[in-house]
Amino acid sequence: MILSEIAAALGAEVRGDGGIDISGVAGLEQAGAGQLTFLANPKYAPRVKGTRAAAIIAANPMEELPTLISKNPYLDFARALALFYQAPRPAAGIHPLAFIAESAEVGEGAAVGPFAYVGEGVKIGRRAVLHPHVTLYQGAQIGDDFLAHSHAVVREFCVVGHRVILQNNVVIGGDGFGFAKDAEGRHHKIVQSGVTVIEDDVEVQSLTSIDRATVGESRVKRGAKIDSLVQVGHACVVGEDNIICAQVGLAGSTILGKGVLLAGQVGVSGHLTIHDHAVVYAQSGVGHDVEPGKIMSGSPAFDYREWRRSVLAFPKLGEMVRQMRQLENRLAQLEALREGEKEV
């Protein structure tokens, strides 16, 4: 594509030669001749001089390169990347090695790969793609433009909305972790009779489990993005446009508001609410409700500003203890000397 064509597709303004050929998209340091790059963070502006890219997406004109002026360079970089790369899509139709139950309904234009399993009463929307070995249990309801990669599973009676992407080995609606202990200390399984509901435009990355509820439902709301190796416990609610990073664990009945961000390896103890637009830093442990817009860190988690001050003090604690003991000894000596003077 020529640069002006990309600009038109993105709704961006061209500064410089709009007639140059663009063969692909890459980062500042990786871009080669003929490729389009981007500058989202001004602190990396000095690196523009060293790039071999042919053009750049940026908020302001660059002297070094033809520029596509954008209000959101990172977003437009992602959109430009989609112009040059589309993941292979299998042709519509049902592969002869797939199993489709007689009572299942498969929407127009759907593609069902070999060894996929579609159970009784399943409904699949239009243009859905089931790669090999995808499994849809009985009664699952799947929306339009669904994409499930190999070995993804949607369990019985769970509901998945439109434009949902499940990466490899995702499990939607696995049993919640619920057991009751008897007088002898033995654990008895509690039937997990609820479902999991995944709303529109959700993406779930590889090896993540979103458990069904004991009763009622677990729910992931519109636009949430959940990374790999995440555990969402039974009866949890993941809010709209949440970002849940890798290795996060949500214990049962955790409620996340809108726009919440949980960084990697955050643990949430359950039966609590993290309110709208809160942020929890990596490896934090949350054991209480979090107010809207708060930024938390640490285990147990508390305000990140206090946490940063605490972190700076941690390496000095040994020296601070030694100094405190020295001061205590000196104070004791002074008090003893004062008492001796009084006696004289």
Protein backbone atom coordinates (compact mmCIF):
# COMPACT_ATOMS: atom_id res chain seq x y z
CA MET A 1 0.00 0.00 0.00
CA ILE A 2 1.08 3.58 -0.46
CA LEU A 3 1.21 5.79 2.62
CA SER A 4 -1.75 7.94 1.59
CA GLU A 5 -3.94 4.81 1.29
CA ILE A 6 -3.03 3.82 4.83
CA ALA A 7 -3.78 7.37 6.00
CA ALA A 8 -7.22 7.20 4.41
CA ALA A 9 -7.94 3.84 6.04
CA LEU A 10 -6.91 5.18 9.46
CA GLY A 11 -8.42 8.65 9.09
CA ALA A 12 -4.97 10.17 9.67
CA GLU A 13 -3.32 13.22 8.11
CA VAL A 14 -0.18 12.79 5.99
CA ARG A 15 2.77 15.10 6.50
CA GLY A 16 5.44 14.46 3.89
CA ASP A 17 5.46 12.19 0.87
CA GLY A 18 2.20 10.26 0.83
CA GLY A 19 3.14 8.37 -2.31
CA ILE A 20 5.84 6.14 -0.83
CA ASP A 21 5.28 2.38 -0.82
CA ILE A 22 4.76 0.67 2.53
CA SER A 23 5.31 -3.09 2.72
CA GLY A 24 4.60 -3.73 6.40
CA VAL A 25 4.53 -2.44 9.97
CA ALA A 26 7.13 -2.79 12.76
CA GLY A 27 8.46 -1.17 15.94
CA LEU A 28 10.97 1.66 15.89
CA GLU A 29 14.05 -0.50 16.35
CA GLN A 30 12.86 -3.45 14.27
CA ALA A 31 11.49 -1.56 11.26
CA GLY A 32 13.31 -1.90 7.96
CA ALA A 33 13.21 -0.11 4.63
CA GLY A 34 9.69 0.30 3.33
CA GLN A 35 8.01 -0.29 6.71
CA LEU A 36 5.76 1.91 8.81
CA THR A 37 6.56 2.42 12.50
CA PHE A 38 5.04 4.45 15.35
CA LEU A 39 5.92 6.74 18.26
CA ALA A 40 3.44 6.58 21.15
CA ASN A 41 5.66 7.75 24.02
CA PRO A 42 7.52 11.08 23.53
CA LYS A 43 10.44 9.88 25.67
CA TYR A 44 11.42 7.57 22.79
CA ALA A 45 11.55 10.43 20.27
CA PRO A 46 15.40 10.43 20.13
CA ARG A 47 15.23 6.88 18.73
CA VAL A 48 13.41 8.10 15.63
CA LYS A 49 16.73 9.28 14.20
CA GLY A 50 18.07 5.72 14.29
CA THR A 51 15.12 3.93 12.73
CA ARG A 52 15.27 2.56 9.20
CA ALA A 53 11.50 2.87 8.73
CA ALA A 54 10.08 4.64 5.70
CA ALA A 55 7.33 6.48 7.63
CA ILE A 56 5.97 6.89 11.14
CA ILE A 57 2.69 7.27 12.99
CA ALA A 58 2.99 10.00 15.61
CA ALA A 59 1.04 12.72 17.38
CA ASN A 60 3.21 15.45 15.85
CA PRO A 61 5.19 15.77 12.57
CA MET A 62 8.64 14.20 12.57
CA GLU A 63 11.41 15.98 10.67
CA GLU A 64 13.15 12.69 9.88
CA LEU A 65 10.25 10.80 8.27
CA PRO A 66 6.92 11.23 6.50
CA THR A 67 4.37 11.19 9.30
CA LEU A 68 0.79 10.05 9.76
CA ILE A 69 -0.61 12.45 12.35
CA SER A 70 -2.68 10.52 14.89
CA LYS A 71 -4.43 11.32 18.16
CA ASN A 72 -3.67 7.78 19.33
CA PRO A 73 -0.51 6.47 17.61
CA TYR A 74 -0.51 3.12 19.39
CA LEU A 75 -4.10 2.36 18.44
CA ASP A 76 -3.51 3.40 14.85
CA PHE A 77 -0.37 1.26 14.76
CA ALA A 78 -2.55 -1.71 15.74
CA ARG A 79 -5.08 -0.79 13.06
CA ALA A 80 -2.34 -0.44 10.45
CA LEU A 81 -0.94 -3.83 11.41
CA ALA A 82 -4.36 -5.35 10.70
CA LEU A 83 -4.20 -3.92 7.17
CA PHE A 84 -1.11 -6.02 6.44
CA TYR A 85 -1.72 -9.21 8.40
CA GLN A 86 -4.83 -11.31 8.77
CA ALA A 87 -4.57 -14.67 10.49
CA PRO A 88 -5.49 -17.60 8.21
CA ARG A 89 -9.20 -18.38 8.32
CA PRO A 90 -10.50 -21.80 7.38
CA ALA A 91 -13.12 -22.02 4.66
CA ALA A 92 -16.75 -22.09 5.76
CA GLY A 93 -18.22 -25.52 6.21
CA ILE A 94 -18.14 -28.55 8.49
CA HIS A 95 -15.19 -30.88 8.17
CA PRO A 96 -16.21 -34.53 7.71
CA LEU A 97 -14.17 -35.52 10.76
CA ALA A 98 -16.06 -33.10 13.06
CA PHE A 99 -18.95 -34.35 15.22
CA ILE A 100 -22.13 -32.25 15.15
CA ALA A 101 -25.10 -33.47 17.21
CA GLU A 102 -28.38 -33.72 15.33
CA SER A 103 -30.07 -31.14 17.54
CA ALA A 104 -27.22 -28.61 17.20
CA GLU A 105 -27.61 -25.49 15.05
CA VAL A 106 -24.65 -24.12 13.11
CA GLY A 107 -24.94 -20.58 11.74
CA GLU A 108 -24.39 -19.50 8.17
CA GLY A 109 -20.76 -19.17 7.12
CA ALA A 110 -19.38 -21.02 10.16
CA ALA A 111 -16.25 -23.16 9.86
CA VAL A 112 -15.94 -26.29 12.01
CA GLY A 113 -12.57 -28.03 11.89
CA PRO A 114 -11.67 -31.71 12.16
CA PHE A 115 -12.26 -33.46 15.49
CA ALA A 116 -14.31 -30.55 16.82
CA TYR A 117 -17.22 -31.69 19.00
CA VAL A 118 -20.57 -29.89 19.08
CA GLY A 119 -23.01 -31.38 21.58
CA GLU A 120 -26.77 -31.68 21.73
CA GLY A 121 -28.73 -28.45 21.69
CA VAL A 122 -25.73 -26.25 20.93
CA LYS A 123 -26.36 -23.09 18.93
CA ILE A 124 -23.47 -21.55 16.99
CA GLY A 125 -23.73 -18.09 15.43
CA ARG A 126 -22.86 -16.93 11.95
CA ARG A 127 -19.28 -16.93 10.71
CA ALA A 128 -18.02 -18.71 13.83
CA VAL A 129 -14.71 -20.57 13.57
CA LEU A 130 -14.01 -23.74 15.55
CA HIS A 131 -10.46 -24.95 15.03
CA PRO A 132 -9.59 -28.66 15.42
CA HIS A 133 -10.42 -30.28 18.78
CA VAL A 134 -12.66 -27.46 20.04
CA THR A 135 -15.38 -28.87 22.31
CA LEU A 136 -18.82 -27.35 22.92
CA TYR A 137 -20.78 -29.23 25.57
CA GLN A 138 -24.53 -29.74 25.52
CA GLY A 139 -26.66 -26.62 25.40
CA ALA A 140 -23.83 -24.11 24.90
CA GLN A 141 -24.96 -20.91 23.17
CA ILE A 142 -22.38 -19.26 20.92
CA GLY A 143 -22.69 -15.83 19.22
CA ASP A 144 -21.69 -14.55 15.79
CA ASP A 145 -18.04 -14.25 14.71
CA PHE A 146 -16.87 -16.51 17.51
CA LEU A 147 -13.28 -17.77 17.21
CA ALA A 148 -12.06 -20.74 19.24
CA HIS A 149 -8.57 -22.14 18.86
CA SER A 150 -7.64 -25.79 19.30
CA HIS A 151 -8.63 -27.48 22.56
CA ALA A 152 -10.77 -24.59 23.79
CA VAL A 153 -13.81 -25.85 25.72
CA VAL A 154 -17.21 -24.28 26.42
CA ARG A 155 -19.02 -26.37 29.01
CA GLU A 156 -22.70 -27.26 29.26
CA PHE A 157 -25.32 -24.48 29.01
CA CYS A 158 -22.75 -21.66 29.10
CA VAL A 159 -23.39 -18.56 27.01
CA VAL A 160 -20.83 -16.83 24.80
CA GLY A 161 -21.57 -13.52 23.03
CA HIS A 162 -20.56 -12.06 19.68
CA ARG A 163 -16.96 -11.58 18.50
CA VAL A 164 -15.49 -13.55 21.38
CA ILE A 165 -12.01 -15.07 20.97
CA LEU A 166 -10.87 -18.07 22.98
CA GLN A 167 -7.21 -18.99 22.62
CA ASN A 168 -5.84 -22.52 22.97
CA ASN A 169 -6.88 -24.61 26.00
CA VAL A 170 -9.27 -22.07 27.48
CA VAL A 171 -12.03 -23.61 29.63
CA ILE A 172 -15.29 -21.70 29.96
CA GLY A 173 -17.60 -23.03 32.62
CA GLY A 174 -15.46 -25.65 34.35
CA ASP A 175 -16.70 -26.65 37.80
CA GLY A 176 -16.18 -24.12 40.54
CA PHE A 177 -13.96 -25.20 43.42
CA GLY A 178 -16.63 -25.92 46.01
CA PHE A 179 -16.59 -28.56 48.75
CA ALA A 180 -18.37 -29.05 52.08
CA LYS A 181 -16.62 -30.74 55.01
CA ASP A 182 -18.43 -33.31 57.13
CA ALA A 183 -17.90 -34.15 60.80
CA GLU A 184 -15.08 -36.56 59.94
CA GLY A 185 -13.23 -33.90 57.96
CA ARG A 186 -13.99 -35.40 54.55
CA HIS A 187 -14.69 -33.08 51.63
CA HIS A 188 -17.90 -33.54 49.65
CA LYS A 189 -18.26 -31.96 46.23
CA ILE A 190 -20.89 -29.23 45.90
CA VAL A 191 -22.71 -29.51 42.60
CA GLN A 192 -21.86 -26.52 40.42
CA SER A 193 -25.29 -25.90 38.92
CA GLY A 194 -24.74 -22.39 37.61
CA VAL A 195 -23.27 -21.24 34.29
CA THR A 196 -20.62 -18.91 32.90
CA VAL A 197 -21.66 -16.01 30.68
CA ILE A 198 -19.13 -14.33 28.37
CA GLU A 199 -20.40 -11.07 26.88
CA ASP A 200 -19.50 -9.53 23.51
CA ASP A 201 -15.96 -8.60 22.40
CA VAL A 202 -14.18 -10.54 25.13
CA GLU A 203 -10.84 -12.23 24.48
CA VAL A 204 -9.44 -14.95 26.73
CA GLN A 205 -5.83 -16.06 26.31
CA SER A 206 -4.37 -19.56 26.50
CA LEU A 207 -4.75 -21.90 29.50
CA THR A 208 -7.21 -19.69 31.37
CA SER A 209 -10.19 -21.07 33.31
CA ILE A 210 -13.42 -19.20 34.04
CA ASP A 211 -15.42 -21.37 36.40
CA ARG A 212 -19.18 -21.81 36.44
CA ALA A 213 -21.12 -20.69 39.51
CA THR A 214 -22.39 -22.96 42.24
CA VAL A 215 -25.77 -21.31 41.66
CA GLY A 216 -26.55 -18.38 39.40
CA GLU A 217 -23.72 -17.33 37.10
CA SER A 218 -20.14 -16.23 36.66
CA ARG A 219 -19.92 -13.36 34.15
CA VAL A 220 -17.27 -11.66 32.06
CA LYS A 221 -18.65 -8.37 30.78
CA ARG A 222 -18.26 -6.70 27.40
CA GLY A 223 -14.80 -5.91 26.14
CA ALA A 224 -12.81 -7.51 28.95
CA LYS A 225 -9.41 -8.94 28.00
CA ILE A 226 -8.06 -11.81 30.08
CA ASP A 227 -4.46 -12.98 29.71
CA SER A 228 -3.00 -16.50 29.89
CA LEU A 229 -2.96 -18.68 33.03
CA VAL A 230 -5.67 -16.75 34.82
CA GLN A 231 -8.10 -18.39 37.26
CA VAL A 232 -11.54 -16.79 37.60
CA GLY A 233 -13.41 -18.51 40.41
CA HIS A 234 -17.08 -19.33 40.65
CA ALA A 235 -19.65 -16.51 40.77
CA CYS A 236 -17.06 -13.86 39.90
CA VAL A 237 -17.91 -10.82 37.79
CA VAL A 238 -15.19 -9.39 35.54
CA GLY A 239 -16.25 -5.86 34.55
CA GLU A 240 -16.43 -4.08 31.23
CA ASP A 241 -13.10 -3.32 29.56
CA ASN A 242 -11.09 -4.94 32.34
CA ILE A 243 -7.47 -5.92 31.71
CA ILE A 244 -6.54 -9.03 33.68
CA CYS A 245 -2.87 -9.96 33.22
CA ALA A 246 -1.19 -13.34 33.40
CA GLN A 247 -1.34 -15.57 36.50
CA VAL A 248 -4.01 -13.53 38.26
CA GLY A 249 -6.25 -15.53 40.59
CA LEU A 250 -9.75 -14.41 41.57
CA ALA A 251 -11.33 -16.37 44.40
CA GLY A 252 -15.07 -16.97 44.29
CA SER A 253 -17.56 -14.08 44.29
CA THR A 254 -14.99 -11.41 43.44
CA ILE A 255 -16.66 -8.43 41.75
CA LEU A 256 -14.59 -6.22 39.43
CA GLY A 257 -16.02 -2.90 38.30
CA LYS A 258 -15.57 -1.19 34.96
CA GLY A 259 -12.08 -0.50 33.62
CA VAL A 260 -10.20 -2.37 36.36
CA LEU A 261 -6.58 -3.36 35.67
CA LEU A 262 -4.98 -6.25 37.55
CA ALA A 263 -1.28 -6.70 36.77
CA GLY A 264 0.49 -10.05 36.70
CA GLN A 265 0.17 -12.50 39.62
CA VAL A 266 -2.35 -10.45 41.57
CA GLY A 267 -4.32 -12.57 44.03
CA VAL A 268 -7.81 -11.60 45.21
CA SER A 269 -9.25 -13.35 48.27
CA GLY A 270 -12.87 -13.29 47.09
CA HIS A 271 -16.25 -12.01 48.35
CA LEU A 272 -15.10 -8.43 47.78
CA THR A 273 -15.43 -5.65 45.21
CA ILE A 274 -12.70 -3.83 43.32
CA HIS A 275 -14.49 -0.75 42.08
CA ASP A 276 -14.36 1.08 38.74
CA HIS A 277 -10.99 2.05 37.22
CA ALA A 278 -8.93 0.74 40.13
CA VAL A 279 -5.40 -0.54 39.40
CA VAL A 280 -3.59 -3.26 41.33
CA TYR A 281 0.15 -3.65 40.74
CA ALA A 282 1.87 -6.97 40.08
CA GLN A 283 2.14 -9.65 42.78
CA SER A 284 -0.23 -7.82 45.10
CA GLY A 285 -2.65 -9.58 47.43
CA VAL A 286 -6.08 -7.98 47.76
CA GLY A 287 -8.06 -8.92 50.86
CA HIS A 288 -10.57 -6.06 51.10
CA ASP A 289 -12.70 -3.82 48.88
CA VAL A 290 -10.85 -1.30 46.71
CA GLU A 291 -12.32 2.16 46.17
CA PRO A 292 -12.93 3.57 42.67
CA GLY A 293 -9.80 4.83 40.93
CA LYS A 294 -7.43 3.68 43.67
CA ILE A 295 -3.98 2.33 42.81
CA MET A 296 -2.89 -0.46 45.10
CA SER A 297 0.25 -2.50 45.63
CA GLY A 298 1.79 -4.93 48.08
CA SER A 299 0.61 -7.98 49.97
CA PRO A 300 -1.61 -7.18 51.73
CA ALA A 301 -2.33 -4.42 49.21
CA PHE A 302 -2.47 -0.78 50.25
CA ASP A 303 -2.09 2.61 48.57
CA TYR A 304 0.77 2.47 46.08
CA ARG A 305 2.32 5.74 47.28
CA GLU A 306 2.67 4.39 50.80
CA TRP A 307 3.86 1.09 49.34
CA ARG A 308 6.62 2.85 47.36
CA ARG A 309 7.84 4.62 50.49
CA SER A 310 7.77 1.31 52.35
CA VAL A 311 9.70 -0.46 49.60
CA LEU A 312 12.43 2.16 49.80
CA ALA A 313 12.67 1.56 53.54
CA PHE A 314 12.77 -2.26 53.41
CA PRO A 315 16.47 -2.62 52.47
CA LYS A 316 17.41 -0.17 55.23
CA LEU A 317 15.46 -1.87 58.03
CA GLY A 318 18.51 -3.73 59.38
CA GLU A 319 20.58 -0.57 59.62
CA MET A 320 17.62 1.36 61.08
CA VAL A 321 17.22 -1.30 63.80
CA ARG A 322 20.92 -1.10 64.64
CA GLN A 323 20.76 2.69 64.85
CA MET A 324 17.66 2.53 67.03
CA ARG A 325 19.37 0.14 69.44
CA GLN A 326 22.42 2.38 69.60
CA LEU A 327 20.19 5.36 70.38
CA GLU A 328 18.34 3.35 73.03
CA ASN A 329 21.68 2.42 74.65
CA ARG A 330 22.88 6.01 74.60
CA LEU A 331 19.58 7.19 76.05
CA ALA A 332 19.79 4.59 78.79
CA GLN A 333 23.34 5.73 79.60
CA LEU A 334 22.27 9.38 79.74
CA GLU A 335 19.34 8.55 82.01
CA ALA A 336 21.61 6.52 84.28
CA LEU A 337 24.09 9.42 84.42
CA ARG A 338 21.28 11.86 85.23
CA GLU A 339 20.03 9.64 88.04
CA GLY A 340 23.56 9.44 89.44
CA GLU A 341 23.89 13.23 89.42
CA LYS A 342 20.61 13.55 91.30
CA GLU A 343 21.86 11.22 94.02
CA VAL A 344 25.04 13.29 94.42
